[in-house]
C-alpha atoms as a PDB file:
ATOM      1  CA  MET A   1     133.332 -58.996 -54.310  1.00  0.00           C
ATOM      2  CA  GLU A   2     136.709 -59.346 -52.687  1.00  0.00           C
ATOM      3  CA  VAL A   3     138.562 -56.879 -50.476  1.00  0.00           C
ATOM      4  CA  ARG A   4     142.332 -57.102 -50.992  1.00  0.00           C
ATOM      5  CA  LYS A   5     145.362 -55.514 -49.361  1.00  0.00           C
ATOM      6  CA  ASP A   6     148.936 -56.086 -50.532  1.00  0.00           C
ATOM      7  CA  PHE A   7     147.642 -58.563 -53.148  1.00  0.00           C
ATOM      8  CA  GLU A   8     146.039 -60.780 -50.472  1.00  0.00           C
ATOM      9  CA  ILE A   9     142.290 -61.373 -50.053  1.00  0.00           C
ATOM     10  CA  VAL A  10     141.256 -59.925 -46.687  1.00  0.00           C
ATOM     11  CA  ARG A  11     137.577 -60.713 -46.938  1.00  0.00           C
ATOM     12  CA  ALA A  12     134.879 -61.489 -49.508  1.00  0.00           C
ATOM     13  CA  GLY A  13     131.227 -60.576 -49.361  1.00  0.00           C
ATOM     14  CA  THR A  14     128.515 -58.118 -50.333  1.00  0.00           C
ATOM     15  CA  VAL A  15     128.834 -54.328 -50.317  1.00  0.00           C
ATOM     16  CA  ASP A  16     126.379 -52.781 -47.866  1.00  0.00           C
ATOM     17  CA  ASP A  17     127.170 -49.127 -48.616  1.00  0.00           C
ATOM     18  CA  ALA A  18     129.880 -47.128 -50.395  1.00  0.00           C
ATOM     19  CA  MET A  19     131.127 -43.553 -50.590  1.00  0.00           C
ATOM     20  CA  ALA A  20     130.292 -41.810 -53.871  1.00  0.00           C
ATOM     21  CA  ASP A  21     133.979 -40.983 -54.426  1.00  0.00           C
ATOM     22  CA  SER A  22     135.051 -44.643 -53.939  1.00  0.00           C
ATOM     23  CA  SER A  23     137.181 -43.749 -50.911  1.00  0.00           C
ATOM     24  CA  ALA A  24     135.501 -46.265 -48.604  1.00  0.00           C
ATOM     25  CA  LEU A  25     132.873 -48.966 -48.429  1.00  0.00           C
ATOM     26  CA  TRP A  26     131.003 -50.998 -45.851  1.00  0.00           C
ATOM     27  CA  LEU A  27     130.969 -54.754 -46.267  1.00  0.00           C
ATOM     28  CA  ALA A  28     127.747 -56.386 -45.041  1.00  0.00           C
ATOM     29  CA  ALA A  29     127.819 -58.712 -42.055  1.00  0.00           C
ATOM     30  CA  ASP A  30     127.793 -62.421 -42.870  1.00  0.00           C
ATOM     31  CA  ALA A  31     128.767 -65.766 -41.355  1.00  0.00           C
ATOM     32  CA  THR A  32     132.488 -64.873 -41.496  1.00  0.00           C
ATOM     33  CA  GLY A  33     132.299 -61.503 -39.750  1.00  0.00           C
ATOM     34  CA  GLY A  34     130.384 -58.397 -38.778  1.00  0.00           C
ATOM     35  CA  ARG A  35     129.794 -55.289 -40.856  1.00  0.00           C
ATOM     36  CA  ALA A  36     133.198 -53.780 -41.670  1.00  0.00           C
ATOM     37  CA  LEU A  37     134.565 -50.534 -43.129  1.00  0.00           C
ATOM     38  CA  PHE A  38     137.411 -50.638 -45.672  1.00  0.00           C
ATOM     39  CA  THR A  39     139.125 -47.474 -46.948  1.00  0.00           C
ATOM     40  CA  ALA A  40     141.327 -46.829 -49.961  1.00  0.00           C
ATOM     41  CA  ALA A  41     143.561 -44.606 -47.797  1.00  0.00           C
ATOM     42  CA  GLU A  42     144.512 -47.697 -45.762  1.00  0.00           C
ATOM     43  CA  GLY A  43     145.509 -49.554 -48.940  1.00  0.00           C
ATOM     44  CA  TYR A  44     142.404 -51.685 -49.470  1.00  0.00           C
ATOM     45  CA  GLU A  45     141.216 -52.508 -53.001  1.00  0.00           C
ATOM     46  CA  VAL A  46     137.879 -53.996 -54.035  1.00  0.00           C
ATOM     47  CA  TRP A  47     137.665 -56.587 -56.779  1.00  0.00           C
ATOM     48  CA  ILE A  48     134.489 -57.932 -58.310  1.00  0.00           C
ATOM     49  CA  ARG A  49     134.253 -61.697 -58.172  1.00  0.00           C
ATOM     50  CA  PRO A  50     132.297 -62.826 -61.279  1.00  0.00           C
ATOM     51  CA  GLN A  51     129.544 -65.291 -60.543  1.00  0.00           C
ATOM     52  CA  LYS A  52     126.625 -66.802 -62.386  1.00  0.00           C
ATOM     53  CA  LEU A  53     123.289 -65.177 -61.598  1.00  0.00           C
ATOM     54  CA  SER A  54     120.087 -67.154 -61.385  1.00  0.00           C
ATOM     55  CA  GLY A  55     116.424 -66.290 -61.808  1.00  0.00           C
ATOM     56  CA  LYS A  56     114.361 -64.489 -64.406  1.00  0.00           C
ATOM     57  CA  LEU A  57     115.724 -60.999 -63.764  1.00  0.00           C
ATOM     58  CA  CYS A  58     119.390 -61.401 -64.685  1.00  0.00           C
ATOM     59  CA  PHE A  59     120.881 -58.242 -66.200  1.00  0.00           C
ATOM     60  CA  LYS A  60     124.235 -57.680 -67.860  1.00  0.00           C
ATOM     61  CA  MET A  61     125.706 -54.215 -68.169  1.00  0.00           C
ATOM     62  CA  ALA A  62     128.705 -52.914 -70.105  1.00  0.00           C
ATOM     63  CA  ALA A  63     131.249 -50.618 -68.443  1.00  0.00           C
ATOM     64  CA  ALA A  64     130.008 -47.694 -70.567  1.00  0.00           C
ATOM     65  CA  GLN A  65     126.507 -48.154 -69.149  1.00  0.00           C
ATOM     66  CA  LEU A  66     127.840 -48.189 -65.589  1.00  0.00           C
ATOM     67  CA  SER A  67     129.528 -44.834 -66.066  1.00  0.00           C
ATOM     68  CA  GLY A  68     126.447 -43.263 -67.664  1.00  0.00           C
ATOM     69  CA  SER A  69     128.081 -42.693 -71.055  1.00  0.00           C
ATOM     70  CA  HIS A  70     125.605 -44.780 -73.035  1.00  0.00           C
ATOM     71  CA  PRO A  71     123.120 -43.143 -75.449  1.00  0.00           C
ATOM     72  CA  GLY A  72     120.111 -41.717 -73.660  1.00  0.00           C
ATOM     73  CA  ALA A  73     121.886 -41.340 -70.305  1.00  0.00           C
ATOM     74  CA  SER A  74     121.009 -38.201 -68.400  1.00  0.00           C
ATOM     75  CA  ARG A  75     123.954 -36.044 -67.426  1.00  0.00           C
END
């Protein structure tokens, strides 16, 4: 995923943890930097960077499934 502010990419990487209300997230440490916190209140946005998955256990999910609105979802 990419972290952006003012339409510019600030950093890209893997989410380590996120607030349930989407107000903030921690980006995992990698070769380009340490673990970092980004908040929506400071103007940061998170964008998913599509990429091809490899291996036997690839899984695709529709937006409706992500939100729990698919048939059989517990509410």
